Amino acid sequence: MQPTRRQFVQSTASASLGVFAQTVLGAKSAAPDPLAGQFGVTTGSFMRHLSPRRAKGKLVLLDLPAIMRDELDMRVIDLMTRTLASFEPKYLEEFRSRAEKAGCIITNLKMNHKGLEPASLDESRRRRALDEYKRTIDAAEILGCRWVRPLPAPKRPNLDRLAAGHNTT
């Protein structure tokens, strides 16, 4: 039995939509996100237990990737600036190397710098804030972070001044 015109149009439209979805949406999922279904930690949650040097009852951040892999079966590390022992490139490269060796992914660097005003009317305060954010963003790049997040301000900044300040760095 021959399909009616309506059945033909419906079936070809459905088939076309299926091919489109598979082509377009399938292409997006062709490279699976290594974070999908993963759990991790944010170092801000246990910052009081971190120490730059070995100490009884304390954890050295450089040991975290191996602990996450071997003891917790976790891979995602979300860092906070206050938990880094140093911003020196050698230290940051060492942490990244240990994370990669453990199969961990460093997702984020929370830039929790209190008192910085990147949209300040005062040029020197604004410059100081932007210089510190630049230093932190450079650290995040060395660490291989996917993104950074500045500390939310108590009130909404002047976005024009904020954007202008970032465009000069």
N, C-alpha and C. Protein backbone atom coordinates (compact mmCIF):
# COMPACT_ATOMS: atom_id res chain seq x y z
N MET A 1 0.84 -1.16 0.00
CA MET A 1 0.00 0.00 0.00
C MET A 1 0.89 1.23 0.00
N GLN A 2 0.56 2.18 -0.86
CA GLN A 2 1.32 3.42 -0.98
C GLN A 2 0.98 4.36 0.17
N PRO A 3 2.01 5.03 0.73
CA PRO A 3 1.70 6.00 1.79
C PRO A 3 0.97 7.21 1.22
N THR A 4 0.17 7.79 2.04
CA THR A 4 -0.50 9.03 1.62
C THR A 4 0.54 10.14 1.59
N ARG A 5 0.18 11.24 0.95
CA ARG A 5 1.09 12.39 0.89
C ARG A 5 1.44 12.85 2.30
N ARG A 6 0.47 12.89 3.19
CA ARG A 6 0.69 13.32 4.57
C ARG A 6 1.68 12.38 5.27
N GLN A 7 1.52 11.07 5.12
CA GLN A 7 2.43 10.11 5.74
C GLN A 7 3.84 10.28 5.18
N PHE A 8 3.95 10.49 3.88
CA PHE A 8 5.25 10.68 3.24
C PHE A 8 5.95 11.91 3.80
N VAL A 9 5.23 13.03 3.86
CA VAL A 9 5.83 14.28 4.36
C VAL A 9 6.25 14.12 5.82
N GLN A 10 5.37 13.49 6.62
CA GLN A 10 5.71 13.30 8.03
C GLN A 10 6.94 12.42 8.19
N SER A 11 7.03 11.35 7.43
CA SER A 11 8.16 10.45 7.59
C SER A 11 9.46 11.08 7.09
N THR A 12 9.41 11.82 5.98
CA THR A 12 10.64 12.45 5.49
C THR A 12 11.06 13.60 6.41
N ALA A 13 10.08 14.32 6.96
CA ALA A 13 10.41 15.39 7.90
C ALA A 13 11.06 14.80 9.15
N SER A 14 10.52 13.71 9.65
CA SER A 14 11.09 13.07 10.84
C SER A 14 12.49 12.55 10.55
N ALA A 15 12.66 11.93 9.38
CA ALA A 15 13.97 11.40 9.01
C ALA A 15 14.97 12.55 8.85
N SER A 16 14.55 13.63 8.21
CA SER A 16 15.44 14.78 8.02
C SER A 16 15.84 15.38 9.37
N LEU A 17 14.87 15.49 10.26
CA LEU A 17 15.16 16.03 11.58
C LEU A 17 16.13 15.11 12.32
N GLY A 18 15.94 13.82 12.19
CA GLY A 18 16.83 12.86 12.83
C GLY A 18 18.24 12.98 12.30
N VAL A 19 18.41 13.09 10.99
CA VAL A 19 19.74 13.24 10.39
C VAL A 19 20.37 14.56 10.84
N PHE A 20 19.56 15.63 10.83
CA PHE A 20 20.05 16.93 11.28
C PHE A 20 20.53 16.86 12.72
N ALA A 21 19.72 16.29 13.59
CA ALA A 21 20.07 16.21 15.00
C ALA A 21 21.33 15.38 15.18
N GLN A 22 21.42 14.27 14.47
CA GLN A 22 22.59 13.41 14.59
C GLN A 22 23.84 14.12 14.07
N THR A 23 23.69 14.85 12.99
CA THR A 23 24.83 15.55 12.39
C THR A 23 25.27 16.71 13.26
N VAL A 24 24.34 17.58 13.58
CA VAL A 24 24.68 18.79 14.33
C VAL A 24 24.94 18.49 15.80
N LEU A 25 24.00 17.86 16.46
CA LEU A 25 24.17 17.59 17.88
C LEU A 25 25.22 16.51 18.11
N GLY A 26 25.27 15.55 17.24
CA GLY A 26 26.26 14.49 17.36
C GLY A 26 27.67 15.04 17.23
N ALA A 27 27.85 16.03 16.37
CA ALA A 27 29.17 16.62 16.18
C ALA A 27 29.62 17.31 17.46
N LYS A 28 28.69 17.91 18.18
CA LYS A 28 29.05 18.59 19.42
C LYS A 28 29.46 17.59 20.48
N SER A 29 28.84 16.42 20.49
CA SER A 29 29.16 15.45 21.52
C SER A 29 30.22 14.46 21.06
N ALA A 30 30.78 14.65 19.86
CA ALA A 30 31.80 13.73 19.36
C ALA A 30 33.01 13.71 20.28
N ALA A 31 33.39 14.85 20.82
CA ALA A 31 34.48 14.90 21.78
C ALA A 31 33.87 15.01 23.17
N PRO A 32 33.78 13.91 23.88
CA PRO A 32 33.10 13.95 25.18
C PRO A 32 33.82 14.87 26.16
N ASP A 33 33.04 15.53 26.96
CA ASP A 33 33.59 16.42 27.98
C ASP A 33 34.23 15.56 29.07
N PRO A 34 35.54 15.75 29.33
CA PRO A 34 36.19 14.91 30.34
C PRO A 34 35.65 15.14 31.75
N LEU A 35 34.85 16.19 31.93
CA LEU A 35 34.27 16.46 33.25
C LEU A 35 32.91 15.82 33.44
N ALA A 36 32.31 15.33 32.36
CA ALA A 36 30.96 14.76 32.44
C ALA A 36 30.95 13.60 33.45
N GLY A 37 30.06 13.70 34.40
CA GLY A 37 29.89 12.65 35.39
C GLY A 37 30.98 12.58 36.44
N GLN A 38 31.86 13.55 36.47
CA GLN A 38 32.97 13.54 37.42
C GLN A 38 32.63 14.34 38.68
N PHE A 39 33.22 13.94 39.78
CA PHE A 39 33.12 14.67 41.03
C PHE A 39 34.50 15.20 41.36
N GLY A 40 34.54 16.24 42.15
CA GLY A 40 35.82 16.80 42.53
C GLY A 40 35.73 17.53 43.84
N VAL A 41 36.76 18.30 44.11
CA VAL A 41 36.82 19.08 45.35
C VAL A 41 37.22 20.51 45.03
N THR A 42 36.81 21.39 45.89
CA THR A 42 37.30 22.76 45.85
C THR A 42 38.19 22.94 47.07
N THR A 43 39.40 23.42 46.85
CA THR A 43 40.36 23.51 47.93
C THR A 43 39.93 24.51 49.01
N GLY A 44 39.03 25.40 48.68
CA GLY A 44 38.53 26.33 49.68
C GLY A 44 37.77 25.63 50.80
N SER A 45 37.26 24.44 50.53
CA SER A 45 36.49 23.70 51.53
C SER A 45 37.36 23.17 52.67
N PHE A 46 38.64 23.02 52.42
CA PHE A 46 39.51 22.48 53.47
C PHE A 46 40.80 23.28 53.59
N MET A 47 40.72 24.58 53.31
CA MET A 47 41.93 25.41 53.31
C MET A 47 42.62 25.45 54.67
N ARG A 48 41.88 25.30 55.75
CA ARG A 48 42.51 25.32 57.09
C ARG A 48 43.36 24.08 57.33
N HIS A 49 43.16 23.07 56.50
CA HIS A 49 43.91 21.83 56.66
C HIS A 49 45.12 21.76 55.73
N LEU A 50 45.35 22.83 54.97
CA LEU A 50 46.48 22.88 54.04
C LEU A 50 47.66 23.61 54.65
N SER A 51 48.84 23.17 54.27
CA SER A 51 50.05 23.82 54.73
C SER A 51 51.06 23.82 53.58
N PRO A 52 51.85 24.88 53.45
CA PRO A 52 52.85 24.88 52.38
C PRO A 52 53.96 23.85 52.62
N ARG A 53 54.16 23.47 53.90
CA ARG A 53 55.18 22.47 54.26
C ARG A 53 54.53 21.33 55.03
N ARG A 54 55.21 20.20 55.06
CA ARG A 54 54.70 19.04 55.78
C ARG A 54 54.56 19.40 57.27
N ALA A 55 53.39 19.11 57.80
CA ALA A 55 53.12 19.36 59.21
C ALA A 55 52.09 18.34 59.68
N LYS A 56 52.19 17.94 60.93
CA LYS A 56 51.28 16.94 61.48
C LYS A 56 49.83 17.42 61.35
N GLY A 57 49.00 16.56 60.78
CA GLY A 57 47.59 16.86 60.62
C GLY A 57 47.26 17.80 59.48
N LYS A 58 48.25 18.13 58.66
CA LYS A 58 48.04 19.06 57.54
C LYS A 58 48.30 18.35 56.22
N LEU A 59 47.72 18.90 55.18
CA LEU A 59 47.87 18.38 53.82
C LEU A 59 48.66 19.39 53.00
N VAL A 60 49.62 18.90 52.24
CA VAL A 60 50.37 19.75 51.32
C VAL A 60 49.64 19.70 49.98
N LEU A 61 49.33 20.85 49.44
CA LEU A 61 48.53 20.91 48.21
C LEU A 61 49.15 20.10 47.07
N LEU A 62 50.46 20.07 46.98
CA LEU A 62 51.10 19.31 45.91
C LEU A 62 50.76 17.82 45.96
N ASP A 63 50.39 17.32 47.13
CA ASP A 63 50.03 15.91 47.28
C ASP A 63 48.57 15.62 46.92
N LEU A 64 47.77 16.67 46.77
CA LEU A 64 46.33 16.49 46.55
C LEU A 64 45.98 15.66 45.32
N PRO A 65 46.58 15.89 44.15
CA PRO A 65 46.18 15.09 42.99
C PRO A 65 46.33 13.58 43.19
N ALA A 66 47.44 13.14 43.76
CA ALA A 66 47.63 11.70 43.99
C ALA A 66 46.63 11.17 45.02
N ILE A 67 46.35 11.94 46.04
CA ILE A 67 45.37 11.53 47.05
C ILE A 67 43.99 11.40 46.42
N MET A 68 43.65 12.36 45.59
CA MET A 68 42.34 12.31 44.93
C MET A 68 42.21 11.07 44.08
N ARG A 69 43.25 10.76 43.31
CA ARG A 69 43.20 9.60 42.43
C ARG A 69 43.24 8.30 43.24
N ASP A 70 44.23 8.16 44.12
CA ASP A 70 44.47 6.90 44.79
C ASP A 70 43.48 6.59 45.92
N GLU A 71 43.07 7.61 46.65
CA GLU A 71 42.24 7.37 47.82
C GLU A 71 40.76 7.71 47.61
N LEU A 72 40.48 8.66 46.72
CA LEU A 72 39.09 9.12 46.56
C LEU A 72 38.49 8.78 45.20
N ASP A 73 39.31 8.33 44.26
CA ASP A 73 38.87 8.04 42.90
C ASP A 73 38.15 9.25 42.29
N MET A 74 38.74 10.42 42.48
CA MET A 74 38.21 11.68 41.95
C MET A 74 39.25 12.31 41.05
N ARG A 75 38.79 13.19 40.13
CA ARG A 75 39.72 13.79 39.17
C ARG A 75 39.62 15.31 39.07
N VAL A 76 38.58 15.93 39.56
CA VAL A 76 38.33 17.36 39.32
C VAL A 76 38.82 18.18 40.51
N ILE A 77 39.71 19.14 40.22
CA ILE A 77 40.24 20.02 41.26
C ILE A 77 39.84 21.46 40.93
N ASP A 78 39.22 22.10 41.89
CA ASP A 78 38.79 23.48 41.80
C ASP A 78 39.60 24.24 42.85
N LEU A 79 40.51 25.09 42.40
CA LEU A 79 41.43 25.78 43.31
C LEU A 79 40.91 27.14 43.76
N MET A 80 41.44 27.58 44.88
CA MET A 80 41.18 28.92 45.37
C MET A 80 42.53 29.58 45.61
N THR A 81 42.67 30.84 45.26
CA THR A 81 43.96 31.52 45.36
C THR A 81 44.60 31.39 46.74
N ARG A 82 43.80 31.49 47.78
CA ARG A 82 44.35 31.46 49.14
C ARG A 82 44.92 30.09 49.51
N THR A 83 44.65 29.06 48.70
CA THR A 83 45.17 27.73 49.02
C THR A 83 46.47 27.41 48.27
N LEU A 84 46.87 28.29 47.38
CA LEU A 84 48.14 28.09 46.68
C LEU A 84 49.29 28.55 47.57
N ALA A 85 50.31 27.70 47.72
CA ALA A 85 51.46 28.06 48.55
C ALA A 85 52.30 29.15 47.90
N SER A 86 52.22 29.25 46.56
CA SER A 86 53.05 30.21 45.84
C SER A 86 52.43 30.49 44.48
N PHE A 87 52.74 31.66 43.95
CA PHE A 87 52.34 32.00 42.59
C PHE A 87 53.55 31.92 41.65
N GLU A 88 54.67 31.42 42.15
CA GLU A 88 55.87 31.27 41.34
C GLU A 88 55.60 30.23 40.25
N PRO A 89 55.99 30.52 39.02
CA PRO A 89 55.73 29.57 37.92
C PRO A 89 56.23 28.16 38.20
N LYS A 90 57.39 28.02 38.84
CA LYS A 90 57.93 26.68 39.13
C LYS A 90 56.96 25.87 40.00
N TYR A 91 56.41 26.49 41.03
CA TYR A 91 55.45 25.82 41.92
C TYR A 91 54.17 25.47 41.15
N LEU A 92 53.65 26.43 40.38
CA LEU A 92 52.42 26.20 39.62
C LEU A 92 52.61 25.09 38.59
N GLU A 93 53.75 25.09 37.93
CA GLU A 93 54.04 24.03 36.95
C GLU A 93 54.15 22.67 37.63
N GLU A 94 54.73 22.63 38.83
CA GLU A 94 54.84 21.38 39.58
C GLU A 94 53.45 20.85 39.94
N PHE A 95 52.58 21.74 40.40
CA PHE A 95 51.22 21.30 40.75
C PHE A 95 50.50 20.77 39.50
N ARG A 96 50.60 21.50 38.40
CA ARG A 96 49.95 21.06 37.16
C ARG A 96 50.50 19.70 36.71
N SER A 97 51.80 19.53 36.79
CA SER A 97 52.43 18.27 36.40
C SER A 97 51.92 17.12 37.25
N ARG A 98 51.82 17.34 38.54
CA ARG A 98 51.31 16.29 39.44
C ARG A 98 49.84 15.99 39.15
N ALA A 99 49.08 17.02 38.84
CA ALA A 99 47.67 16.81 38.51
C ALA A 99 47.55 16.00 37.22
N GLU A 100 48.32 16.36 36.22
CA GLU A 100 48.27 15.62 34.95
C GLU A 100 48.71 14.18 35.13
N LYS A 101 49.76 13.96 35.91
CA LYS A 101 50.26 12.61 36.16
C LYS A 101 49.18 11.76 36.86
N ALA A 102 48.42 12.39 37.73
CA ALA A 102 47.36 11.68 38.45
C ALA A 102 46.08 11.56 37.63
N GLY A 103 46.05 12.18 36.46
CA GLY A 103 44.84 12.14 35.64
C GLY A 103 43.77 13.11 36.11
N CYS A 104 44.19 14.14 36.84
CA CYS A 104 43.25 15.13 37.36
C CYS A 104 43.13 16.31 36.40
N ILE A 105 42.02 17.01 36.51
CA ILE A 105 41.76 18.21 35.71
C ILE A 105 41.57 19.37 36.67
N ILE A 106 42.33 20.43 36.45
CA ILE A 106 42.18 21.64 37.26
C ILE A 106 41.20 22.53 36.51
N THR A 107 40.02 22.68 37.07
CA THR A 107 38.94 23.36 36.35
C THR A 107 38.93 24.86 36.51
N ASN A 108 39.18 25.34 37.70
CA ASN A 108 38.85 26.71 38.03
C ASN A 108 39.85 27.24 39.04
N LEU A 109 40.09 28.54 38.98
CA LEU A 109 40.84 29.22 40.03
C LEU A 109 39.97 30.36 40.53
N LYS A 110 39.49 30.19 41.75
CA LYS A 110 38.67 31.24 42.36
C LYS A 110 39.63 32.31 42.87
N MET A 111 39.46 33.52 42.35
CA MET A 111 40.33 34.64 42.70
C MET A 111 39.71 35.39 43.88
N ASN A 112 39.92 34.87 45.07
CA ASN A 112 39.30 35.43 46.27
C ASN A 112 40.19 36.48 46.91
N HIS A 113 40.40 37.56 46.19
CA HIS A 113 41.20 38.68 46.67
C HIS A 113 40.26 39.70 47.30
N LYS A 114 40.29 39.81 48.61
CA LYS A 114 39.41 40.77 49.29
C LYS A 114 39.97 42.17 49.17
N GLY A 115 39.07 43.13 49.05
CA GLY A 115 39.46 44.54 49.06
C GLY A 115 39.93 45.09 47.72
N LEU A 116 39.94 44.27 46.69
CA LEU A 116 40.34 44.79 45.38
C LEU A 116 39.15 45.45 44.70
N GLU A 117 39.40 46.56 44.05
CA GLU A 117 38.33 47.29 43.37
C GLU A 117 38.73 47.58 41.92
N PRO A 118 38.49 46.63 41.01
CA PRO A 118 38.88 46.84 39.62
C PRO A 118 38.07 47.91 38.90
N ALA A 119 37.00 48.39 39.53
CA ALA A 119 36.21 49.47 38.93
C ALA A 119 36.26 50.74 39.79
N SER A 120 37.29 50.85 40.61
CA SER A 120 37.42 52.00 41.50
C SER A 120 37.60 53.30 40.71
N LEU A 121 37.10 54.39 41.26
CA LEU A 121 37.34 55.71 40.68
C LEU A 121 38.80 56.11 40.85
N ASP A 122 39.42 55.61 41.92
CA ASP A 122 40.81 55.91 42.20
C ASP A 122 41.71 55.07 41.28
N GLU A 123 42.46 55.78 40.43
CA GLU A 123 43.30 55.10 39.43
C GLU A 123 44.29 54.12 40.06
N SER A 124 44.91 54.49 41.17
CA SER A 124 45.92 53.61 41.77
C SER A 124 45.27 52.35 42.37
N ARG A 125 44.10 52.51 42.97
CA ARG A 125 43.38 51.33 43.50
C ARG A 125 42.94 50.41 42.37
N ARG A 126 42.44 51.01 41.31
CA ARG A 126 42.00 50.22 40.14
C ARG A 126 43.20 49.50 39.53
N ARG A 127 44.31 50.18 39.36
CA ARG A 127 45.53 49.58 38.78
C ARG A 127 46.02 48.43 39.64
N ARG A 128 46.05 48.64 40.98
CA ARG A 128 46.49 47.59 41.90
C ARG A 128 45.61 46.35 41.76
N ALA A 129 44.31 46.55 41.69
CA ALA A 129 43.38 45.43 41.56
C ALA A 129 43.59 44.69 40.24
N LEU A 130 43.69 45.44 39.17
CA LEU A 130 43.85 44.82 37.86
C LEU A 130 45.20 44.10 37.73
N ASP A 131 46.23 44.66 38.35
CA ASP A 131 47.53 43.99 38.34
C ASP A 131 47.45 42.65 39.08
N GLU A 132 46.75 42.65 40.20
CA GLU A 132 46.61 41.41 40.97
C GLU A 132 45.76 40.38 40.21
N TYR A 133 44.70 40.82 39.57
CA TYR A 133 43.89 39.89 38.76
C TYR A 133 44.71 39.36 37.59
N LYS A 134 45.52 40.20 36.98
CA LYS A 134 46.36 39.72 35.88
C LYS A 134 47.33 38.65 36.36
N ARG A 135 47.96 38.89 37.51
CA ARG A 135 48.89 37.92 38.08
C ARG A 135 48.17 36.58 38.34
N THR A 136 46.95 36.66 38.82
CA THR A 136 46.19 35.45 39.12
C THR A 136 45.76 34.74 37.84
N ILE A 137 45.35 35.50 36.84
CA ILE A 137 44.96 34.90 35.56
C ILE A 137 46.17 34.24 34.91
N ASP A 138 47.33 34.86 35.02
CA ASP A 138 48.56 34.24 34.50
C ASP A 138 48.83 32.92 35.22
N ALA A 139 48.61 32.89 36.54
CA ALA A 139 48.79 31.66 37.31
C ALA A 139 47.81 30.59 36.84
N ALA A 140 46.57 30.99 36.60
CA ALA A 140 45.55 30.04 36.13
C ALA A 140 45.94 29.44 34.79
N GLU A 141 46.55 30.25 33.94
CA GLU A 141 47.00 29.74 32.64
C GLU A 141 48.10 28.69 32.83
N ILE A 142 49.04 28.97 33.70
CA ILE A 142 50.12 28.01 33.96
C ILE A 142 49.53 26.71 34.52
N LEU A 143 48.55 26.83 35.40
CA LEU A 143 47.91 25.66 36.00
C LEU A 143 47.06 24.87 35.01
N GLY A 144 46.68 25.51 33.90
CA GLY A 144 45.83 24.85 32.92
C GLY A 144 44.35 24.91 33.27
N CYS A 145 43.97 25.91 34.05
CA CYS A 145 42.57 26.07 34.44
C CYS A 145 41.70 26.37 33.23
N ARG A 146 40.47 25.90 33.26
CA ARG A 146 39.51 26.20 32.21
C ARG A 146 38.96 27.60 32.37
N TRP A 147 38.82 28.07 33.60
CA TRP A 147 38.26 29.39 33.84
C TRP A 147 38.73 29.92 35.18
N VAL A 148 38.47 31.22 35.40
CA VAL A 148 38.73 31.87 36.68
C VAL A 148 37.44 32.55 37.12
N ARG A 149 37.37 32.84 38.42
CA ARG A 149 36.19 33.52 38.95
C ARG A 149 36.65 34.53 39.99
N PRO A 150 36.45 35.83 39.73
CA PRO A 150 36.79 36.81 40.75
C PRO A 150 35.81 36.76 41.92
N LEU A 151 36.28 37.23 43.05
CA LEU A 151 35.43 37.30 44.24
C LEU A 151 34.28 38.25 43.94
N PRO A 152 33.05 37.80 44.13
CA PRO A 152 31.92 38.71 43.88
C PRO A 152 31.99 39.94 44.79
N ALA A 153 31.72 41.08 44.20
CA ALA A 153 31.73 42.34 44.97
C ALA A 153 30.43 42.47 45.74
N PRO A 154 30.44 43.21 46.85
CA PRO A 154 29.22 43.40 47.62
C PRO A 154 28.15 44.18 46.86
N LYS A 155 28.59 45.01 45.90
CA LYS A 155 27.62 45.74 45.08
C LYS A 155 28.09 45.70 43.62
N ARG A 156 27.17 45.90 42.73
CA ARG A 156 27.47 45.84 41.31
C ARG A 156 28.43 46.97 40.93
N PRO A 157 29.55 46.64 40.26
CA PRO A 157 30.51 47.68 39.89
C PRO A 157 30.03 48.47 38.67
N ASN A 158 30.67 49.61 38.45
CA ASN A 158 30.43 50.37 37.24
C ASN A 158 31.04 49.58 36.09
N LEU A 159 30.20 49.02 35.25
CA LEU A 159 30.67 48.11 34.20
C LEU A 159 31.52 48.81 33.14
N ASP A 160 31.24 50.06 32.86
CA ASP A 160 32.06 50.80 31.89
C ASP A 160 33.49 50.94 32.38
N ARG A 161 33.66 51.35 33.65
CA ARG A 161 35.00 51.50 34.23
C ARG A 161 35.69 50.13 34.33
N LEU A 162 34.92 49.14 34.70
CA LEU A 162 35.48 47.79 34.82
C LEU A 162 35.99 47.30 33.47
N ALA A 163 35.19 47.44 32.44
CA ALA A 163 35.60 47.01 31.10
C ALA A 163 36.79 47.83 30.61
N ALA A 164 36.76 49.14 30.84
CA ALA A 164 37.86 50.00 30.39
C ALA A 164 39.16 49.59 31.07
N GLY A 165 39.08 49.29 32.35
CA GLY A 165 40.28 48.86 33.09
C GLY A 165 40.83 47.56 32.54
N HIS A 166 39.99 46.61 32.22
CA HIS A 166 40.46 45.33 31.69
C HIS A 166 41.03 45.48 30.29
N ASN A 167 40.54 46.44 29.55
CA ASN A 167 41.03 46.65 28.18
C ASN A 167 42.41 47.30 28.16
N THR A 168 42.87 47.86 29.26
CA THR A 168 44.18 48.51 29.28
C THR A 168 45.26 47.58 29.76
N THR A 169 44.90 46.39 30.22
CA THR A 169 45.93 45.48 30.76
C THR A 169 46.50 44.61 29.67
